[in-house]
N, C-alpha and C. Protein backbone atom coordinates (compact mmCIF):
# COMPACT_ATOMS: atom_id res chain seq x y z
N MET A 1 57.60 -6.87 -157.32
CA MET A 1 56.03 -7.65 -157.03
C MET A 1 56.06 -7.75 -155.46
N VAL A 2 54.66 -7.74 -154.60
CA VAL A 2 55.07 -7.62 -153.22
C VAL A 2 53.76 -8.77 -153.37
N GLU A 3 54.17 -9.47 -151.72
CA GLU A 3 53.61 -10.49 -151.05
C GLU A 3 52.66 -9.32 -149.99
N HIS A 4 50.89 -9.96 -150.11
CA HIS A 4 50.23 -9.50 -148.89
C HIS A 4 49.81 -10.84 -148.36
N LEU A 5 50.28 -10.97 -147.35
CA LEU A 5 50.45 -12.53 -146.58
C LEU A 5 50.13 -12.19 -145.65
N ILE A 6 49.40 -13.52 -145.28
CA ILE A 6 47.53 -13.45 -143.77
C ILE A 6 47.96 -14.67 -143.62
N VAL A 7 48.78 -14.38 -142.13
CA VAL A 7 48.35 -15.78 -141.00
C VAL A 7 47.59 -15.98 -140.45
N PHE A 8 46.63 -17.04 -140.27
CA PHE A 8 44.94 -16.57 -139.58
C PHE A 8 44.53 -18.39 -139.40
N ASN A 9 44.45 -17.91 -138.38
CA ASN A 9 43.25 -19.28 -137.06
C ASN A 9 42.13 -19.11 -137.57
N ALA A 10 41.97 -20.07 -137.71
CA ALA A 10 40.01 -19.85 -138.45
C ALA A 10 39.11 -20.58 -137.62
N GLU A 11 37.90 -19.68 -137.14
CA GLU A 11 36.03 -20.77 -137.00
C GLU A 11 35.03 -20.99 -137.74
N ALA A 12 35.52 -21.72 -138.35
CA ALA A 12 34.73 -22.98 -138.84
C ALA A 12 35.85 -24.53 -139.06
N SER A 13 35.50 -24.87 -140.41
CA SER A 13 36.17 -26.23 -140.22
C SER A 13 37.71 -26.24 -141.28
N PRO A 14 38.36 -26.78 -141.89
CA PRO A 14 39.57 -27.25 -142.51
C PRO A 14 38.89 -27.10 -143.97
N GLU A 15 37.27 -27.62 -144.59
CA GLU A 15 36.66 -27.35 -144.74
C GLU A 15 36.03 -26.42 -145.61
N ASP A 16 35.94 -25.36 -144.71
CA ASP A 16 35.61 -24.86 -144.79
C ASP A 16 36.17 -23.23 -145.17
N VAL A 17 37.78 -23.49 -144.42
CA VAL A 17 38.33 -22.64 -144.74
C VAL A 17 38.77 -23.07 -146.56
N ARG A 18 39.09 -23.79 -146.74
CA ARG A 18 39.12 -24.52 -147.77
C ARG A 18 38.15 -24.51 -149.03
N ARG A 19 37.33 -24.24 -148.64
CA ARG A 19 35.67 -23.60 -149.95
C ARG A 19 36.01 -22.04 -150.01
N MET A 20 36.52 -21.25 -148.24
CA MET A 20 36.97 -19.86 -148.60
C MET A 20 37.46 -19.75 -149.71
N VAL A 21 38.52 -20.43 -149.41
CA VAL A 21 40.21 -19.73 -150.37
C VAL A 21 39.80 -20.59 -151.55
N LYS A 22 39.12 -21.36 -152.36
CA LYS A 22 38.48 -21.40 -153.55
C LYS A 22 37.57 -20.15 -154.57
N GLN A 23 37.13 -20.49 -153.12
CA GLN A 23 35.95 -18.50 -153.62
C GLN A 23 37.17 -16.98 -153.24
N ALA A 24 37.83 -16.88 -153.10
CA ALA A 24 39.02 -16.23 -152.84
C ALA A 24 40.11 -15.88 -154.44
N ARG A 25 40.24 -17.86 -154.82
CA ARG A 25 41.13 -17.15 -155.77
C ARG A 25 40.18 -16.63 -157.16
N GLU A 26 38.76 -17.33 -156.23
CA GLU A 26 37.80 -17.03 -157.64
C GLU A 26 37.26 -14.91 -158.05
N VAL A 27 36.84 -14.73 -156.86
CA VAL A 27 36.80 -13.55 -156.44
C VAL A 27 38.01 -12.37 -156.59
N LEU A 28 39.00 -13.14 -155.55
CA LEU A 28 40.48 -12.04 -155.99
C LEU A 28 41.59 -11.82 -156.84
N LEU A 29 41.71 -12.60 -157.62
CA LEU A 29 42.34 -12.67 -158.91
C LEU A 29 41.44 -11.64 -159.91
N GLN A 30 40.11 -11.41 -159.39
CA GLN A 30 39.76 -10.68 -160.99
C GLN A 30 39.85 -9.84 -160.66
N ILE A 31 40.67 -8.24 -159.82
CA ILE A 31 41.38 -7.15 -159.71
C ILE A 31 42.50 -7.19 -159.95
N PRO A 32 42.59 -6.12 -160.72
CA PRO A 32 43.65 -6.12 -162.24
C PRO A 32 44.79 -5.39 -160.69
N GLY A 33 45.90 -6.23 -161.45
CA GLY A 33 46.91 -6.38 -159.86
C GLY A 33 47.94 -7.32 -159.77
N VAL A 34 45.91 -8.28 -159.20
CA VAL A 34 46.46 -9.22 -158.75
C VAL A 34 47.06 -10.22 -159.40
N CYS A 35 48.66 -11.03 -158.85
CA CYS A 35 48.49 -11.89 -160.47
C CYS A 35 48.97 -13.28 -159.77
N GLY A 36 48.58 -14.31 -158.07
CA GLY A 36 48.08 -15.40 -158.12
C GLY A 36 48.34 -14.77 -156.16
N LEU A 37 47.54 -15.84 -156.10
CA LEU A 37 47.46 -16.66 -154.88
C LEU A 37 48.28 -18.05 -154.03
N ARG A 38 48.54 -17.47 -153.36
CA ARG A 38 48.66 -19.65 -152.16
C ARG A 38 48.81 -19.55 -151.10
N TYR A 39 48.26 -20.21 -150.46
CA TYR A 39 47.72 -21.29 -149.43
C TYR A 39 48.41 -22.01 -148.81
N GLY A 40 48.74 -22.61 -147.46
CA GLY A 40 49.05 -23.60 -146.77
C GLY A 40 48.30 -23.60 -145.29
N GLU A 41 48.16 -24.43 -145.12
CA GLU A 41 48.23 -25.01 -143.65
C GLU A 41 50.02 -25.70 -142.95
N ALA A 42 49.93 -25.30 -141.79
CA ALA A 42 50.66 -25.63 -140.82
C ALA A 42 51.03 -26.77 -140.11
N LEU A 43 52.11 -27.51 -140.81
CA LEU A 43 52.26 -28.99 -140.67
C LEU A 43 52.23 -29.65 -138.83
N SER A 44 52.41 -28.47 -138.13
CA SER A 44 52.84 -28.75 -136.80
C SER A 44 51.07 -28.73 -135.92
N PRO A 45 50.69 -28.91 -135.54
CA PRO A 45 49.22 -28.62 -134.79
C PRO A 45 49.41 -28.01 -133.56
N GLU A 46 50.32 -27.47 -133.09
CA GLU A 46 51.58 -26.44 -131.70
C GLU A 46 51.28 -25.09 -132.85
N ALA A 47 51.38 -25.28 -134.26
CA ALA A 47 51.70 -23.84 -134.39
C ALA A 47 50.42 -22.81 -134.25
N ARG A 48 50.94 -21.53 -134.46
CA ARG A 48 50.35 -20.56 -133.58
C ARG A 48 49.42 -19.85 -134.91
N TYR A 49 49.98 -20.54 -135.58
CA TYR A 49 48.31 -19.65 -136.52
C TYR A 49 48.40 -21.06 -137.30
N ARG A 50 47.40 -21.81 -138.10
CA ARG A 50 46.75 -23.30 -138.91
C ARG A 50 47.26 -22.46 -140.29
N TYR A 51 47.13 -21.16 -140.70
CA TYR A 51 46.47 -21.11 -142.31
C TYR A 51 47.78 -20.27 -142.62
N TRP A 52 48.23 -19.78 -143.70
CA TRP A 52 48.08 -18.94 -144.21
C TRP A 52 48.01 -18.70 -145.80
N LEU A 53 47.37 -17.11 -146.16
CA LEU A 53 47.09 -17.06 -147.55
C LEU A 53 47.93 -15.58 -148.21
N SER A 54 48.29 -16.32 -149.36
CA SER A 54 49.43 -15.27 -149.86
C SER A 54 48.27 -14.16 -151.10
N ILE A 55 47.83 -12.72 -151.23
CA ILE A 55 47.93 -12.82 -152.16
C ILE A 55 49.06 -12.03 -153.43
N LEU A 56 49.21 -11.85 -154.16
CA LEU A 56 50.50 -11.22 -155.10
C LEU A 56 50.12 -10.22 -156.49
N PHE A 57 50.64 -9.40 -155.89
CA PHE A 57 49.75 -7.81 -156.65
C PHE A 57 52.18 -7.16 -156.94
N GLU A 58 51.50 -7.23 -158.71
CA GLU A 58 52.31 -6.15 -159.34
C GLU A 58 52.82 -5.80 -159.15
N GLY A 59 52.48 -5.26 -157.97
CA GLY A 59 54.28 -4.12 -158.09
C GLY A 59 53.70 -2.85 -156.52
N PRO A 60 53.74 -2.09 -155.80
CA PRO A 60 53.95 -1.79 -154.86
C PRO A 60 52.36 -0.98 -155.33
N GLU A 61 52.27 0.14 -156.54
CA GLU A 61 51.38 0.31 -156.45
C GLU A 61 50.26 0.29 -156.03
N VAL A 62 49.51 -2.00 -156.17
CA VAL A 62 48.83 -2.02 -156.93
C VAL A 62 47.96 -2.27 -155.13
N VAL A 63 48.98 -2.13 -153.61
CA VAL A 63 47.95 -1.82 -152.51
C VAL A 63 47.04 -1.61 -152.44
N GLU A 64 47.06 0.07 -152.50
CA GLU A 64 45.83 0.91 -152.05
C GLU A 64 44.71 0.66 -153.21
N PHE A 65 45.48 -0.17 -153.83
CA PHE A 65 43.61 -0.04 -155.23
C PHE A 65 43.70 -1.50 -154.63
N TYR A 66 44.36 -2.35 -154.37
CA TYR A 66 43.71 -3.77 -153.49
C TYR A 66 42.58 -3.32 -152.49
N ARG A 67 42.62 -2.82 -151.80
CA ARG A 67 42.72 -2.74 -149.91
C ARG A 67 41.69 -1.93 -150.88
N ASP A 68 40.97 -1.12 -151.82
CA ASP A 68 39.89 -0.21 -151.52
C ASP A 68 38.94 -1.25 -152.56
N HIS A 69 39.33 -1.90 -152.96
CA HIS A 69 38.73 -3.09 -154.16
C HIS A 69 37.61 -2.97 -154.18
N PRO A 70 36.41 -2.56 -154.61
CA PRO A 70 34.95 -3.13 -154.02
C PRO A 70 34.84 -4.79 -154.26
N LEU A 71 35.10 -6.11 -154.60
CA LEU A 71 35.87 -7.03 -154.60
C LEU A 71 36.70 -7.44 -153.31
N HIS A 72 37.36 -6.89 -153.61
CA HIS A 72 38.12 -7.08 -152.11
C HIS A 72 36.95 -6.76 -151.14
N VAL A 73 36.84 -5.45 -151.14
CA VAL A 73 36.29 -5.13 -149.17
C VAL A 73 35.15 -6.34 -149.84
N GLU A 74 34.35 -6.04 -150.25
CA GLU A 74 33.00 -6.97 -150.49
C GLU A 74 33.49 -8.79 -149.67
N PHE A 75 34.15 -9.56 -149.73
CA PHE A 75 34.79 -10.49 -149.35
C PHE A 75 35.57 -10.84 -148.91
N ALA A 76 35.71 -9.42 -147.29
CA ALA A 76 37.17 -9.41 -146.46
C ALA A 76 35.69 -9.33 -145.54
N ASN A 77 34.89 -8.28 -145.99
CA ASN A 77 33.89 -8.46 -145.38
C ASN A 77 33.00 -8.66 -144.87
N ARG A 78 32.40 -9.13 -146.30
CA ARG A 78 31.22 -10.85 -145.91
C ARG A 78 31.77 -11.88 -145.66
N VAL A 79 33.18 -12.64 -146.04
CA VAL A 79 33.40 -14.28 -145.97
C VAL A 79 34.51 -14.30 -145.90
N PHE A 80 36.11 -13.30 -145.57
CA PHE A 80 37.10 -13.64 -144.85
C PHE A 80 36.77 -13.38 -143.25
N ARG A 81 37.19 -12.14 -143.02
CA ARG A 81 37.27 -11.20 -141.57
C ARG A 81 36.28 -12.24 -140.67
N PRO A 82 35.03 -12.60 -140.80
CA PRO A 82 34.22 -12.72 -139.82
C PRO A 82 35.04 -14.40 -139.64
N MET A 83 35.30 -15.50 -140.19
CA MET A 83 36.19 -16.75 -140.30
C MET A 83 37.42 -15.83 -139.77
N ALA A 84 38.01 -15.79 -140.00
CA ALA A 84 39.73 -15.58 -139.31
C ALA A 84 39.92 -14.20 -138.56
N LYS A 85 39.03 -14.25 -137.66
CA LYS A 85 39.40 -12.88 -136.51
C LYS A 85 40.11 -13.30 -136.15
N ASP A 86 41.14 -14.13 -135.73
CA ASP A 86 42.57 -14.15 -135.18
C ASP A 86 43.35 -14.35 -136.73
N ARG A 87 44.20 -13.35 -136.49
CA ARG A 87 44.63 -13.01 -137.56
C ARG A 87 45.97 -11.81 -137.68
N ILE A 88 46.75 -11.83 -138.64
CA ILE A 88 48.20 -11.07 -138.84
C ILE A 88 48.38 -11.19 -140.34
N THR A 89 48.30 -9.64 -140.91
CA THR A 89 47.95 -9.09 -142.16
C THR A 89 49.49 -8.17 -142.47
N THR A 90 50.16 -8.56 -143.04
CA THR A 90 51.44 -7.26 -144.26
C THR A 90 51.92 -7.65 -144.84
N ASP A 91 52.54 -6.26 -145.64
CA ASP A 91 52.67 -6.66 -147.62
C ASP A 91 54.53 -6.37 -147.60
N TYR A 92 54.16 -7.57 -147.84
CA TYR A 92 56.17 -7.80 -148.26
C TYR A 92 56.63 -7.53 -149.90
N LEU A 93 57.68 -6.21 -149.67
CA LEU A 93 58.65 -5.96 -151.24
C LEU A 93 59.32 -7.53 -152.10
N VAL A 94 58.87 -8.25 -152.64
CA VAL A 94 59.58 -9.15 -153.33
C VAL A 94 61.65 -8.37 -153.43
N LEU A 95 61.67 -9.14 -152.39
CA LEU A 95 63.07 -8.55 -153.12
C LEU A 95 64.35 -9.27 -153.95
N THR A 96 63.55 -10.64 -153.56
CA THR A 96 64.57 -11.87 -153.97
C THR A 96 64.04 -13.46 -154.26
N GLU A 97 63.84 -14.03 -155.62
CA GLU A 97 63.05 -15.22 -155.16
C GLU A 97 63.26 -16.20 -155.63
N VAL A 98 63.57 -17.60 -155.30
CA VAL A 98 64.76 -18.60 -155.77
C VAL A 98 63.57 -19.39 -156.20
N PRO A 99 62.93 -20.42 -157.65
CA PRO A 99 62.90 -21.16 -157.60
C PRO A 99 63.29 -22.78 -157.60
N CYS A 100 62.66 -23.29 -156.48
CA CYS A 100 62.82 -25.21 -156.32
C CYS A 100 63.80 -25.25 -157.31
N GLY A 101 64.62 -26.59 -157.22
CA GLY A 101 65.06 -26.80 -157.77
C GLY A 101 66.63 -26.54 -158.04
N THR A 102 67.26 -24.84 -158.20
CA THR A 102 68.17 -23.80 -158.52
C THR A 102 68.71 -23.41 -157.16
């Protein structure tokens, strides 16, 4: 599994960011190989980045496919990038996962 992690600040209200995440879920989960999406907000108001969005891929082969997929390109260019100009994006190979409570 690969985790496509984006930490970002938004030039939008928290409500607008949540609407964007809902739209991301509706659009990006249609792309073959995308198997999950997670979103969070910083607890501390002093955090360098206020929000994070994680898109989970079934494997490394999905990274390039996702990057060039028309649904992703359209969503990123029209919705996400204009809102989240201050961002860092990195793809991580998931090596260990321990569920909560274990």
